[in-house]
């Protein structure tokens, strides 16, 4: 296997230009796409890519793009990505991919014809002997390349083409897609999103200093802010997990009640994610890169008539979180006992 260390994932080599490609890459199985969120449909493609590579003794390679092509082509249209690039790469590593080639996407790059894209980059640079893609694949200038063209080109070049059919949600019949995931997260429906992803939705970022109001009220929180966290669900309170990377190989999952919003009780303007780890007053998380996973939405965000009403609701949020996660409940913490977080 190629080697690279990941904070939350397995070993995978990452290349960002041609000189980063190991010289011993002589034959590969390549799949192509953004893979935003790495949902079940993506996972089917990745599983097939890895399976073909192991069967044939080739390396499995993902050609992915950053920034997202839609951001480049339509910069005026706001696009929230389901996951950050780091989290996307982490998921590719966990799937067993040997190498990810992160192509910087630009308008100049997008001018390559479908033929040149396959012949020069996928086959020439990445040494593809097999190409695995979804049946709705589009590529090359103006997305002129499609599955039929790819199969014809593969026959000409002696490259095996494997097309993976679309996968759909059994209850609705809708195709699994990153677009649908964004819609669900925008509504706070993290449970349905989890079904499409095959796991809990995750965001990731650095813990920063907040106003410490939660700490003073007995609910110290780890605060995450900014535009680079991944797709933050709708405002509200959620049950989930705060995940720390304790050493080179271990992850620590801590049960948490997670609040998202501008904190209307105190008139804040900046939206933030605040995770209260149940029963813990000793966590020193400032400056640490952590992940937050969402299991279930408990309630929407609202302003209460008094701070006492807010505290009573927060106590109930903690009880609900513990019940959902199947962990012992924990009450309010004496502010004088809080040593960190």
C-alpha atoms as a PDB file:
ATOM      1  CA  UNK A   1       0.000   0.000   0.000  1.00  0.00           C
ATOM      2  CA  UNK A   2       1.029   3.595  -0.517  1.00  0.00           C
ATOM      3  CA  UNK A   3       1.566   5.339   2.794  1.00  0.00           C
ATOM      4  CA  UNK A   4       0.170   8.550   4.242  1.00  0.00           C
ATOM      5  CA  UNK A   5      -0.927   9.393   7.763  1.00  0.00           C
ATOM      6  CA  UNK A   6      -4.478  10.617   8.382  1.00  0.00           C
ATOM      7  CA  UNK A   7      -5.865  12.145  11.529  1.00  0.00           C
ATOM      8  CA  UNK A   8      -9.111  10.174  11.364  1.00  0.00           C
ATOM      9  CA  UNK A   9      -8.504   7.589   8.644  1.00  0.00           C
ATOM     10  CA  UNK A  10      -6.447   4.773   7.210  1.00  0.00           C
ATOM     11  CA  UNK A  11      -3.212   4.959   5.179  1.00  0.00           C
ATOM     12  CA  UNK A  12      -3.582   6.420   1.687  1.00  0.00           C
ATOM     13  CA  UNK A  13      -1.199   8.239  -0.620  1.00  0.00           C
ATOM     14  CA  UNK A  14      -2.333  11.713  -1.679  1.00  0.00           C
ATOM     15  CA  UNK A  15      -1.085  13.363  -4.858  1.00  0.00           C
ATOM     16  CA  UNK A  16      -1.813  16.926  -5.932  1.00  0.00           C
ATOM     17  CA  UNK A  17       0.347  17.102  -9.058  1.00  0.00           C
ATOM     18  CA  UNK A  18       2.061  14.681 -11.415  1.00  0.00           C
ATOM     19  CA  UNK A  19       5.367  14.691  -9.527  1.00  0.00           C
ATOM     20  CA  UNK A  20       3.526  13.434  -6.424  1.00  0.00           C
ATOM     21  CA  UNK A  21       2.567  10.195  -8.197  1.00  0.00           C
ATOM     22  CA  UNK A  22       4.818   7.309  -7.053  1.00  0.00           C
ATOM     23  CA  UNK A  23       7.032   6.015  -9.874  1.00  0.00           C
ATOM     24  CA  UNK A  24       5.944   2.438  -9.152  1.00  0.00           C
ATOM     25  CA  UNK A  25       2.344   3.198 -10.153  1.00  0.00           C
ATOM     26  CA  UNK A  26       2.255   1.113 -13.319  1.00  0.00           C
ATOM     27  CA  UNK A  27      -1.330  -0.129 -13.477  1.00  0.00           C
ATOM     28  CA  UNK A  28      -4.430   1.096 -11.706  1.00  0.00           C
ATOM     29  CA  UNK A  29      -8.193   0.946 -11.376  1.00  0.00           C
ATOM     30  CA  UNK A  30      -9.402   4.556 -11.477  1.00  0.00           C
ATOM     31  CA  UNK A  31     -12.689   6.097 -10.462  1.00  0.00           C
ATOM     32  CA  UNK A  32     -13.566   9.750 -11.017  1.00  0.00           C
ATOM     33  CA  UNK A  33     -15.711  12.198  -9.096  1.00  0.00           C
ATOM     34  CA  UNK A  34     -16.076  14.775  -6.357  1.00  0.00           C
ATOM     35  CA  UNK A  35     -17.546  12.208  -3.936  1.00  0.00           C
ATOM     36  CA  UNK A  36     -18.973  14.919  -1.688  1.00  0.00           C
ATOM     37  CA  UNK A  37     -20.225  13.208   1.458  1.00  0.00           C
ATOM     38  CA  UNK A  38     -19.134   9.741   0.254  1.00  0.00           C
ATOM     39  CA  UNK A  39     -22.699   8.413   0.544  1.00  0.00           C
ATOM     40  CA  UNK A  40     -23.909   4.876  -0.178  1.00  0.00           C
ATOM     41  CA  UNK A  41     -23.962   5.455  -3.935  1.00  0.00           C
ATOM     42  CA  UNK A  42     -20.351   6.622  -3.810  1.00  0.00           C
ATOM     43  CA  UNK A  43     -19.453   3.709  -1.558  1.00  0.00           C
ATOM     44  CA  UNK A  44     -20.722   1.212  -4.140  1.00  0.00           C
ATOM     45  CA  UNK A  45     -18.394   2.744  -6.717  1.00  0.00           C
ATOM     46  CA  UNK A  46     -15.456   2.781  -4.302  1.00  0.00           C
ATOM     47  CA  UNK A  47     -16.077  -0.821  -3.210  1.00  0.00           C
ATOM     48  CA  UNK A  48     -16.068  -1.944  -6.840  1.00  0.00           C
ATOM     49  CA  UNK A  49     -12.886   0.032  -7.534  1.00  0.00           C
ATOM     50  CA  UNK A  50     -11.071  -1.537  -4.588  1.00  0.00           C
ATOM     51  CA  UNK A  51     -12.369  -5.038  -5.426  1.00  0.00           C
ATOM     52  CA  UNK A  52     -11.214  -4.844  -9.048  1.00  0.00           C
ATOM     53  CA  UNK A  53      -7.819  -3.510  -8.006  1.00  0.00           C
ATOM     54  CA  UNK A  54      -7.208  -6.276  -5.485  1.00  0.00           C
ATOM     55  CA  UNK A  55      -8.396  -8.986  -7.874  1.00  0.00           C
ATOM     56  CA  UNK A  56      -6.139  -7.795 -10.682  1.00  0.00           C
ATOM     57  CA  UNK A  57      -3.179  -6.806  -8.509  1.00  0.00           C
ATOM     58  CA  UNK A  58      -3.469  -3.128  -9.487  1.00  0.00           C
ATOM     59  CA  UNK A  59      -3.620  -0.007  -7.326  1.00  0.00           C
ATOM     60  CA  UNK A  60      -6.973   1.656  -6.625  1.00  0.00           C
ATOM     61  CA  UNK A  61      -7.010   5.366  -7.466  1.00  0.00           C
ATOM     62  CA  UNK A  62      -9.595   8.123  -7.025  1.00  0.00           C
ATOM     63  CA  UNK A  63      -9.357  11.224  -9.201  1.00  0.00           C
ATOM     64  CA  UNK A  64     -11.207  13.918  -7.284  1.00  0.00           C
ATOM     65  CA  UNK A  65     -11.513  17.682  -7.633  1.00  0.00           C
ATOM     66  CA  UNK A  66     -11.023  20.706  -5.421  1.00  0.00           C
ATOM     67  CA  UNK A  67     -12.713  23.136  -5.424  1.00  0.00           C
ATOM     68  CA  UNK A  68     -16.037  21.621  -6.428  1.00  0.00           C
ATOM     69  CA  UNK A  69     -16.615  22.224 -10.189  1.00  0.00           C
ATOM     70  CA  UNK A  70     -19.971  23.927  -9.525  1.00  0.00           C
ATOM     71  CA  UNK A  71     -18.209  26.515  -7.368  1.00  0.00           C
ATOM     72  CA  UNK A  72     -15.855  27.305 -10.258  1.00  0.00           C
ATOM     73  CA  UNK A  73     -18.504  27.409 -12.975  1.00  0.00           C
ATOM     74  CA  UNK A  74     -21.205  29.207 -10.963  1.00  0.00           C
ATOM     75  CA  UNK A  75     -19.375  31.217  -8.270  1.00  0.00           C
ATOM     76  CA  UNK A  76     -22.428  33.371  -7.593  1.00  0.00           C
ATOM     77  CA  UNK A  77     -24.512  30.353  -6.546  1.00  0.00           C
ATOM     78  CA  UNK A  78     -23.860  29.363  -2.934  1.00  0.00           C
ATOM     79  CA  UNK A  79     -22.954  25.686  -2.592  1.00  0.00           C
ATOM     80  CA  UNK A  80     -22.565  24.096   0.834  1.00  0.00           C
ATOM     81  CA  UNK A  81     -20.463  20.951   0.621  1.00  0.00           C
ATOM     82  CA  UNK A  82     -21.558  17.999   2.731  1.00  0.00           C
ATOM     83  CA  UNK A  83     -17.990  17.380   3.873  1.00  0.00           C
ATOM     84  CA  UNK A  84     -14.652  19.131   3.881  1.00  0.00           C
ATOM     85  CA  UNK A  85     -11.887  17.929   1.569  1.00  0.00           C
ATOM     86  CA  UNK A  86     -10.038  16.440   4.553  1.00  0.00           C
ATOM     87  CA  UNK A  87     -13.099  14.491   5.636  1.00  0.00           C
ATOM     88  CA  UNK A  88     -13.746  13.343   2.066  1.00  0.00           C
ATOM     89  CA  UNK A  89     -10.171  12.077   1.765  1.00  0.00           C
ATOM     90  CA  UNK A  90     -10.504  10.418   5.133  1.00  0.00           C
ATOM     91  CA  UNK A  91     -13.558   8.493   3.910  1.00  0.00           C
ATOM     92  CA  UNK A  92     -11.734   7.434   0.742  1.00  0.00           C
ATOM     93  CA  UNK A  93      -8.902   6.096   2.868  1.00  0.00           C
ATOM     94  CA  UNK A  94     -11.298   4.160   5.086  1.00  0.00           C
ATOM     95  CA  UNK A  95     -12.864   2.667   1.925  1.00  0.00           C
ATOM     96  CA  UNK A  96      -9.489   1.110   1.104  1.00  0.00           C
ATOM     97  CA  UNK A  97      -8.400   3.396  -1.732  1.00  0.00           C
ATOM     98  CA  UNK A  98      -4.635   3.315  -2.324  1.00  0.00           C
ATOM     99  CA  UNK A  99      -4.186   6.774  -3.810  1.00  0.00           C
ATOM    100  CA  UNK A 100      -6.263   9.928  -4.177  1.00  0.00           C
ATOM    101  CA  UNK A 101      -5.254  12.412  -6.834  1.00  0.00           C
ATOM    102  CA  UNK A 102      -6.648  15.827  -5.852  1.00  0.00           C
ATOM    103  CA  UNK A 103      -6.939  17.831  -9.067  1.00  0.00           C
ATOM    104  CA  UNK A 104      -7.102  21.602  -8.669  1.00  0.00           C
ATOM    105  CA  UNK A 105     -10.199  22.452 -10.670  1.00  0.00           C
ATOM    106  CA  UNK A 106     -10.171  25.625 -12.756  1.00  0.00           C
ATOM    107  CA  UNK A 107     -11.825  27.016 -15.868  1.00  0.00           C
ATOM    108  CA  UNK A 108      -8.642  26.307 -17.828  1.00  0.00           C
ATOM    109  CA  UNK A 109      -8.584  22.695 -16.663  1.00  0.00           C
ATOM    110  CA  UNK A 110     -12.247  22.331 -17.647  1.00  0.00           C
ATOM    111  CA  UNK A 111     -11.410  23.070 -21.311  1.00  0.00           C
ATOM    112  CA  UNK A 112      -9.940  19.609 -21.909  1.00  0.00           C
ATOM    113  CA  UNK A 113     -11.952  17.547 -24.383  1.00  0.00           C
ATOM    114  CA  UNK A 114     -13.464  14.290 -23.111  1.00  0.00           C
ATOM    115  CA  UNK A 115     -10.907  12.325 -25.114  1.00  0.00           C
ATOM    116  CA  UNK A 116      -7.916  14.337 -23.876  1.00  0.00           C
ATOM    117  CA  UNK A 117      -9.126  14.081 -20.283  1.00  0.00           C
ATOM    118  CA  UNK A 118      -9.257  10.270 -20.433  1.00  0.00           C
ATOM    119  CA  UNK A 119      -6.212   9.693 -22.644  1.00  0.00           C
ATOM    120  CA  UNK A 120      -3.848  12.205 -21.072  1.00  0.00           C
ATOM    121  CA  UNK A 121      -4.798  12.205 -17.390  1.00  0.00           C
ATOM    122  CA  UNK A 122      -6.750   9.087 -16.493  1.00  0.00           C
ATOM    123  CA  UNK A 123      -4.827   6.642 -18.706  1.00  0.00           C
ATOM    124  CA  UNK A 124      -1.575   8.502 -19.310  1.00  0.00           C
ATOM    125  CA  UNK A 125      -0.888  10.042 -15.903  1.00  0.00           C
ATOM    126  CA  UNK A 126      -2.817   7.702 -13.605  1.00  0.00           C
ATOM    127  CA  UNK A 127      -2.088   4.486 -15.557  1.00  0.00           C
ATOM    128  CA  UNK A 128      -5.694   3.293 -15.684  1.00  0.00           C
ATOM    129  CA  UNK A 129      -6.267  -0.220 -16.947  1.00  0.00           C
ATOM    130  CA  UNK A 130      -9.824  -0.228 -15.587  1.00  0.00           C
ATOM    131  CA  UNK A 131     -12.153   2.768 -15.122  1.00  0.00           C
ATOM    132  CA  UNK A 132     -15.079   2.465 -12.695  1.00  0.00           C
ATOM    133  CA  UNK A 133     -17.800   5.141 -12.811  1.00  0.00           C
ATOM    134  CA  UNK A 134     -21.498   5.641 -12.211  1.00  0.00           C
ATOM    135  CA  UNK A 135     -23.769   5.208 -15.218  1.00  0.00           C
ATOM    136  CA  UNK A 136     -24.599   8.933 -15.132  1.00  0.00           C
ATOM    137  CA  UNK A 137     -20.941   9.974 -15.504  1.00  0.00           C
ATOM    138  CA  UNK A 138     -20.191  13.215 -17.389  1.00  0.00           C
ATOM    139  CA  UNK A 139     -16.705  14.532 -18.104  1.00  0.00           C
ATOM    140  CA  UNK A 140     -14.635  16.785 -20.330  1.00  0.00           C
ATOM    141  CA  UNK A 141     -15.406  20.225 -21.740  1.00  0.00           C
ATOM    142  CA  UNK A 142     -19.054  21.180 -21.220  1.00  0.00           C
ATOM    143  CA  UNK A 143     -19.633  17.683 -19.790  1.00  0.00           C
ATOM    144  CA  UNK A 144     -19.725  16.359 -23.342  1.00  0.00           C
ATOM    145  CA  UNK A 145     -18.370  12.943 -22.342  1.00  0.00           C
ATOM    146  CA  UNK A 146     -20.847  10.350 -21.089  1.00  0.00           C
ATOM    147  CA  UNK A 147     -21.009   6.622 -20.321  1.00  0.00           C
ATOM    148  CA  UNK A 148     -21.573   5.580 -23.942  1.00  0.00           C
ATOM    149  CA  UNK A 149     -18.618   7.616 -25.176  1.00  0.00           C
ATOM    150  CA  UNK A 150     -16.437   6.271 -22.355  1.00  0.00           C
ATOM    151  CA  UNK A 151     -17.275   2.683 -23.313  1.00  0.00           C
ATOM    152  CA  UNK A 152     -16.433   3.379 -26.971  1.00  0.00           C
ATOM    153  CA  UNK A 153     -13.163   5.038 -25.988  1.00  0.00           C
ATOM    154  CA  UNK A 154     -12.331   2.198 -23.607  1.00  0.00           C
ATOM    155  CA  UNK A 155     -12.769  -0.336 -26.421  1.00  0.00           C
ATOM    156  CA  UNK A 156     -10.482   1.731 -28.655  1.00  0.00           C
ATOM    157  CA  UNK A 157      -7.789   2.067 -25.982  1.00  0.00           C
ATOM    158  CA  UNK A 158      -8.072  -1.442 -24.574  1.00  0.00           C
ATOM    159  CA  UNK A 159      -9.295  -0.130 -21.213  1.00  0.00           C
ATOM    160  CA  UNK A 160     -12.001  -1.993 -19.292  1.00  0.00           C
ATOM    161  CA  UNK A 161     -14.970   0.213 -18.373  1.00  0.00           C
ATOM    162  CA  UNK A 162     -17.191  -0.729 -15.424  1.00  0.00           C
ATOM    163  CA  UNK A 163     -20.483   1.145 -15.057  1.00  0.00           C
ATOM    164  CA  UNK A 164     -22.247   1.156 -11.686  1.00  0.00           C
ATOM    165  CA  UNK A 165     -26.034   1.685 -11.796  1.00  0.00           C
ATOM    166  CA  UNK A 166     -27.650   4.396  -9.689  1.00  0.00           C
ATOM    167  CA  UNK A 167     -28.716   3.341  -6.216  1.00  0.00           C
ATOM    168  CA  UNK A 168     -31.952   4.612  -4.707  1.00  0.00           C
ATOM    169  CA  UNK A 169     -33.615   4.982  -1.338  1.00  0.00           C
ATOM    170  CA  UNK A 170     -36.003   2.062  -0.797  1.00  0.00           C
ATOM    171  CA  UNK A 171     -38.694   4.121   0.947  1.00  0.00           C
ATOM    172  CA  UNK A 172     -38.864   7.005  -1.545  1.00  0.00           C
ATOM    173  CA  UNK A 173     -37.295   5.654  -4.718  1.00  0.00           C
ATOM    174  CA  UNK A 174     -35.150   8.793  -4.947  1.00  0.00           C
ATOM    175  CA  UNK A 175     -31.565   8.383  -6.121  1.00  0.00           C
ATOM    176  CA  UNK A 176     -28.951   8.798  -3.440  1.00  0.00           C
ATOM    177  CA  UNK A 177     -27.086  12.025  -4.141  1.00  0.00           C
ATOM    178  CA  UNK A 178     -25.080  14.782  -2.493  1.00  0.00           C
ATOM    179  CA  UNK A 179     -27.808  17.249  -3.508  1.00  0.00           C
ATOM    180  CA  UNK A 180     -30.415  15.305  -1.554  1.00  0.00           C
ATOM    181  CA  UNK A 181     -28.081  15.124   1.428  1.00  0.00           C
ATOM    182  CA  UNK A 182     -27.709  18.906   1.422  1.00  0.00           C
ATOM    183  CA  UNK A 183     -31.493  19.300   1.359  1.00  0.00           C
ATOM    184  CA  UNK A 184     -31.925  16.988   4.341  1.00  0.00           C
ATOM    185  CA  UNK A 185     -29.199  18.648   6.388  1.00  0.00           C
ATOM    186  CA  UNK A 186     -30.645  22.080   5.623  1.00  0.00           C
ATOM    187  CA  UNK A 187     -33.853  20.843   7.309  1.00  0.00           C
ATOM    188  CA  UNK A 188     -31.986  19.262  10.221  1.00  0.00           C
ATOM    189  CA  UNK A 189     -33.053  15.751   9.182  1.00  0.00           C
ATOM    190  CA  UNK A 190     -29.831  14.079  10.277  1.00  0.00           C
ATOM    191  CA  UNK A 191     -31.563  10.708  10.732  1.00  0.00           C
ATOM    192  CA  UNK A 192     -32.560  10.418   7.058  1.00  0.00           C
ATOM    193  CA  UNK A 193     -29.156  11.778   6.075  1.00  0.00           C
ATOM    194  CA  UNK A 194     -27.588   9.001   8.120  1.00  0.00           C
ATOM    195  CA  UNK A 195     -29.549   6.448   6.100  1.00  0.00           C
ATOM    196  CA  UNK A 196     -28.169   7.824   2.831  1.00  0.00           C
ATOM    197  CA  UNK A 197     -24.636   8.123   4.156  1.00  0.00           C
ATOM    198  CA  UNK A 198     -24.621   4.750   5.873  1.00  0.00           C
ATOM    199  CA  UNK A 199     -23.191   6.508   8.942  1.00  0.00           C
ATOM    200  CA  UNK A 200     -23.711   9.664  10.977  1.00  0.00           C
ATOM    201  CA  UNK A 201     -23.091  13.010   9.308  1.00  0.00           C
ATOM    202  CA  UNK A 202     -19.836  14.550  10.519  1.00  0.00           C
ATOM    203  CA  UNK A 203     -18.333  18.007  10.585  1.00  0.00           C
ATOM    204  CA  UNK A 204     -14.842  18.854  11.733  1.00  0.00           C
ATOM    205  CA  UNK A 205     -12.988  21.921  12.937  1.00  0.00           C
ATOM    206  CA  UNK A 206     -10.826  23.563  15.548  1.00  0.00           C
ATOM    207  CA  UNK A 207     -12.223  24.315  19.007  1.00  0.00           C
ATOM    208  CA  UNK A 208     -12.196  28.084  19.566  1.00  0.00           C
ATOM    209  CA  UNK A 209     -12.958  30.341  22.497  1.00  0.00           C
ATOM    210  CA  UNK A 210     -16.578  31.446  22.821  1.00  0.00           C
ATOM    211  CA  UNK A 211     -18.376  33.696  25.276  1.00  0.00           C
ATOM    212  CA  UNK A 212     -18.163  30.976  27.996  1.00  0.00           C
ATOM    213  CA  UNK A 213     -21.826  31.493  28.887  1.00  0.00           C
ATOM    214  CA  UNK A 214     -22.387  27.734  28.828  1.00  0.00           C
ATOM    215  CA  UNK A 215     -19.523  27.253  31.244  1.00  0.00           C
ATOM    216  CA  UNK A 216     -20.977  29.823  33.648  1.00  0.00           C
ATOM    217  CA  UNK A 217     -24.382  28.094  33.516  1.00  0.00           C
ATOM    218  CA  UNK A 218     -22.960  24.619  34.171  1.00  0.00           C
ATOM    219  CA  UNK A 219     -22.895  23.453  30.546  1.00  0.00           C
ATOM    220  CA  UNK A 220     -19.328  24.009  29.257  1.00  0.00           C
ATOM    221  CA  UNK A 221     -19.127  23.626  25.484  1.00  0.00           C
ATOM    222  CA  UNK A 222     -16.555  23.082  22.757  1.00  0.00           C
ATOM    223  CA  UNK A 223     -17.215  25.800  20.168  1.00  0.00           C
ATOM    224  CA  UNK A 224     -16.634  25.424  16.430  1.00  0.00           C
ATOM    225  CA  UNK A 225     -17.109  28.347  14.041  1.00  0.00           C
ATOM    226  CA  UNK A 226     -16.298  29.287  10.458  1.00  0.00           C
ATOM    227  CA  UNK A 227     -17.035  28.284   6.877  1.00  0.00           C
ATOM    228  CA  UNK A 228     -14.706  25.270   6.655  1.00  0.00           C
ATOM    229  CA  UNK A 229     -16.493  22.829   8.963  1.00  0.00           C
ATOM    230  CA  UNK A 230     -18.469  20.999   6.294  1.00  0.00           C
ATOM    231  CA  UNK A 231     -22.243  21.161   5.946  1.00  0.00           C
ATOM    232  CA  UNK A 232     -23.609  22.297   9.310  1.00  0.00           C
ATOM    233  CA  UNK A 233     -27.216  21.112   9.836  1.00  0.00           C
ATOM    234  CA  UNK A 234     -30.127  23.465  10.478  1.00  0.00           C
ATOM    235  CA  UNK A 235     -30.238  25.435  13.716  1.00  0.00           C
ATOM    236  CA  UNK A 236     -31.363  23.356  16.667  1.00  0.00           C
ATOM    237  CA  UNK A 237     -30.240  20.979  19.389  1.00  0.00           C
ATOM    238  CA  UNK A 238     -28.948  17.511  18.504  1.00  0.00           C
ATOM    239  CA  UNK A 239     -27.751  14.368  20.222  1.00  0.00           C
ATOM    240  CA  UNK A 240     -24.412  13.189  18.915  1.00  0.00           C
ATOM    241  CA  UNK A 241     -20.769  12.546  19.557  1.00  0.00           C
ATOM    242  CA  UNK A 242     -17.666  14.678  19.898  1.00  0.00           C
ATOM    243  CA  UNK A 243     -14.715  12.722  18.547  1.00  0.00           C
ATOM    244  CA  UNK A 244     -11.135  13.281  19.635  1.00  0.00           C
ATOM    245  CA  UNK A 245      -8.006  11.839  18.104  1.00  0.00           C
ATOM    246  CA  UNK A 246      -6.173  10.648  21.197  1.00  0.00           C
ATOM    247  CA  UNK A 247      -3.090   9.122  19.603  1.00  0.00           C
ATOM    248  CA  UNK A 248      -1.866   7.749  16.291  1.00  0.00           C
ATOM    249  CA  UNK A 249      -4.478   5.003  16.101  1.00  0.00           C
ATOM    250  CA  UNK A 250      -7.286   5.594  18.610  1.00  0.00           C
ATOM    251  CA  UNK A 251     -10.437   7.693  18.452  1.00  0.00           C
ATOM    252  CA  UNK A 252     -12.394   8.673  21.538  1.00  0.00           C
ATOM    253  CA  UNK A 253     -16.175   9.130  21.148  1.00  0.00           C
ATOM    254  CA  UNK A 254     -17.694  11.396  23.793  1.00  0.00           C
ATOM    255  CA  UNK A 255     -21.509  11.703  24.137  1.00  0.00           C
ATOM    256  CA  UNK A 256     -22.574  15.288  23.496  1.00  0.00           C
ATOM    257  CA  UNK A 257     -25.579  17.575  23.293  1.00  0.00           C
ATOM    258  CA  UNK A 258     -24.923  19.824  20.308  1.00  0.00           C
ATOM    259  CA  UNK A 259     -26.419  23.279  19.858  1.00  0.00           C
ATOM    260  CA  UNK A 260     -26.342  25.028  16.483  1.00  0.00           C
ATOM    261  CA  UNK A 261     -27.352  28.634  15.940  1.00  0.00           C
ATOM    262  CA  UNK A 262     -26.726  32.220  16.943  1.00  0.00           C
ATOM    263  CA  UNK A 263     -27.839  31.741  20.565  1.00  0.00           C
ATOM    264  CA  UNK A 264     -31.007  33.885  20.404  1.00  0.00           C
ATOM    265  CA  UNK A 265     -31.279  34.015  24.196  1.00  0.00           C
ATOM    266  CA  UNK A 266     -28.276  36.347  24.322  1.00  0.00           C
ATOM    267  CA  UNK A 267     -28.600  38.107  20.960  1.00  0.00           C
ATOM    268  CA  UNK A 268     -25.484  36.738  19.292  1.00  0.00           C
ATOM    269  CA  UNK A 269     -25.047  37.324  15.556  1.00  0.00           C
ATOM    270  CA  UNK A 270     -22.426  34.728  14.648  1.00  0.00           C
ATOM    271  CA  UNK A 271     -23.625  31.182  14.026  1.00  0.00           C
ATOM    272  CA  UNK A 272     -21.696  28.507  15.882  1.00  0.00           C
ATOM    273  CA  UNK A 273     -21.678  24.836  16.800  1.00  0.00           C
ATOM    274  CA  UNK A 274     -21.450  24.211  20.548  1.00  0.00           C
ATOM    275  CA  UNK A 275     -20.973  20.673  21.843  1.00  0.00           C
ATOM    276  CA  UNK A 276     -21.471  19.940  25.545  1.00  0.00           C
ATOM    277  CA  UNK A 277     -19.855  16.640  26.514  1.00  0.00           C
ATOM    278  CA  UNK A 278     -22.104  14.975  29.071  1.00  0.00           C
ATOM    279  CA  UNK A 279     -20.732  14.978  32.599  1.00  0.00           C
ATOM    280  CA  UNK A 280     -17.247  16.258  31.693  1.00  0.00           C
ATOM    281  CA  UNK A 281     -15.747  19.355  33.275  1.00  0.00           C
ATOM    282  CA  UNK A 282     -12.073  18.527  32.732  1.00  0.00           C
ATOM    283  CA  UNK A 283     -11.674  18.610  28.953  1.00  0.00           C
ATOM    284  CA  UNK A 284      -8.990  20.907  27.574  1.00  0.00           C
ATOM    285  CA  UNK A 285     -10.049  21.207  23.925  1.00  0.00           C
ATOM    286  CA  UNK A 286      -9.033  24.724  22.887  1.00  0.00           C
ATOM    287  CA  UNK A 287      -7.022  24.635  19.664  1.00  0.00           C
ATOM    288  CA  UNK A 288      -7.746  20.941  19.145  1.00  0.00           C
ATOM    289  CA  UNK A 289      -9.139  19.625  15.867  1.00  0.00           C
ATOM    290  CA  UNK A 290     -12.231  17.563  16.666  1.00  0.00           C
ATOM    291  CA  UNK A 291     -15.121  15.995  14.802  1.00  0.00           C
ATOM    292  CA  UNK A 292     -18.803  16.229  15.692  1.00  0.00           C
ATOM    293  CA  UNK A 293     -21.302  13.579  14.543  1.00  0.00           C
ATOM    294  CA  UNK A 294     -25.069  14.087  14.549  1.00  0.00           C
ATOM    295  CA  UNK A 295     -27.369  11.218  15.547  1.00  0.00           C
ATOM    296  CA  UNK A 296     -30.796  12.783  16.121  1.00  0.00           C
ATOM    297  CA  UNK A 297     -32.390  16.237  16.237  1.00  0.00           C
ATOM    298  CA  UNK A 298     -33.976  16.954  19.620  1.00  0.00           C
ATOM    299  CA  UNK A 299     -35.630  20.328  19.015  1.00  0.00           C
ATOM    300  CA  UNK A 300     -35.475  23.573  17.094  1.00  0.00           C
ATOM    301  CA  UNK A 301     -33.678  26.660  18.403  1.00  0.00           C
ATOM    302  CA  UNK A 302     -35.841  29.145  20.310  1.00  0.00           C
ATOM    303  CA  UNK A 303     -35.692  32.057  22.721  1.00  0.00           C
ATOM    304  CA  UNK A 304     -37.059  31.408  26.208  1.00  0.00           C
ATOM    305  CA  UNK A 305     -38.864  33.764  28.557  1.00  0.00           C
ATOM    306  CA  UNK A 306     -36.069  33.657  31.111  1.00  0.00           C
ATOM    307  CA  UNK A 307     -32.651  32.139  31.768  1.00  0.00           C
ATOM    308  CA  UNK A 308     -34.276  29.743  34.264  1.00  0.00           C
ATOM    309  CA  UNK A 309     -36.557  28.429  31.513  1.00  0.00           C
ATOM    310  CA  UNK A 310     -33.514  27.999  29.289  1.00  0.00           C
ATOM    311  CA  UNK A 311     -31.654  26.074  32.001  1.00  0.00           C
ATOM    312  CA  UNK A 312     -34.625  23.790  32.574  1.00  0.00           C
ATOM    313  CA  UNK A 313     -34.777  23.045  28.840  1.00  0.00           C
ATOM    314  CA  UNK A 314     -31.029  22.402  28.728  1.00  0.00           C
ATOM    315  CA  UNK A 315     -31.426  19.891  31.557  1.00  0.00           C
ATOM    316  CA  UNK A 316     -34.087  18.147  29.477  1.00  0.00           C
ATOM    317  CA  UNK A 317     -31.854  18.280  26.391  1.00  0.00           C
ATOM    318  CA  UNK A 318     -29.154  16.468  28.352  1.00  0.00           C
ATOM    319  CA  UNK A 319     -31.604  13.772  29.473  1.00  0.00           C
ATOM    320  CA  UNK A 320     -32.867  13.308  25.915  1.00  0.00           C
ATOM    321  CA  UNK A 321     -29.316  13.117  24.565  1.00  0.00           C
ATOM    322  CA  UNK A 322     -28.344  10.439  27.068  1.00  0.00           C
ATOM    323  CA  UNK A 323     -31.467   8.418  26.235  1.00  0.00           C
ATOM    324  CA  UNK A 324     -30.891   8.627  22.471  1.00  0.00           C
ATOM    325  CA  UNK A 325     -27.214   7.681  22.742  1.00  0.00           C
ATOM    326  CA  UNK A 326     -27.800   4.961  25.327  1.00  0.00           C
ATOM    327  CA  UNK A 327     -25.426   6.414  27.904  1.00  0.00           C
ATOM    328  CA  UNK A 328     -25.903   7.395  31.575  1.00  0.00           C
ATOM    329  CA  UNK A 329     -27.511  10.795  32.021  1.00  0.00           C
ATOM    330  CA  UNK A 330     -25.481  13.628  33.525  1.00  0.00           C
ATOM    331  CA  UNK A 331     -26.747  16.742  35.211  1.00  0.00           C
ATOM    332  CA  UNK A 332     -25.625  20.324  35.253  1.00  0.00           C
ATOM    333  CA  UNK A 333     -22.002  20.884  36.260  1.00  0.00           C
ATOM    334  CA  UNK A 334     -21.031  23.232  39.059  1.00  0.00           C
ATOM    335  CA  UNK A 335     -19.284  26.117  37.275  1.00  0.00           C
ATOM    336  CA  UNK A 336     -16.615  26.140  39.972  1.00  0.00           C
ATOM    337  CA  UNK A 337     -15.678  22.569  39.019  1.00  0.00           C
ATOM    338  CA  UNK A 338     -15.046  23.394  35.358  1.00  0.00           C
ATOM    339  CA  UNK A 339     -11.320  23.320  34.775  1.00  0.00           C
ATOM    340  CA  UNK A 340     -11.265  23.463  30.965  1.00  0.00           C
ATOM    341  CA  UNK A 341     -13.378  23.323  27.759  1.00  0.00           C
END
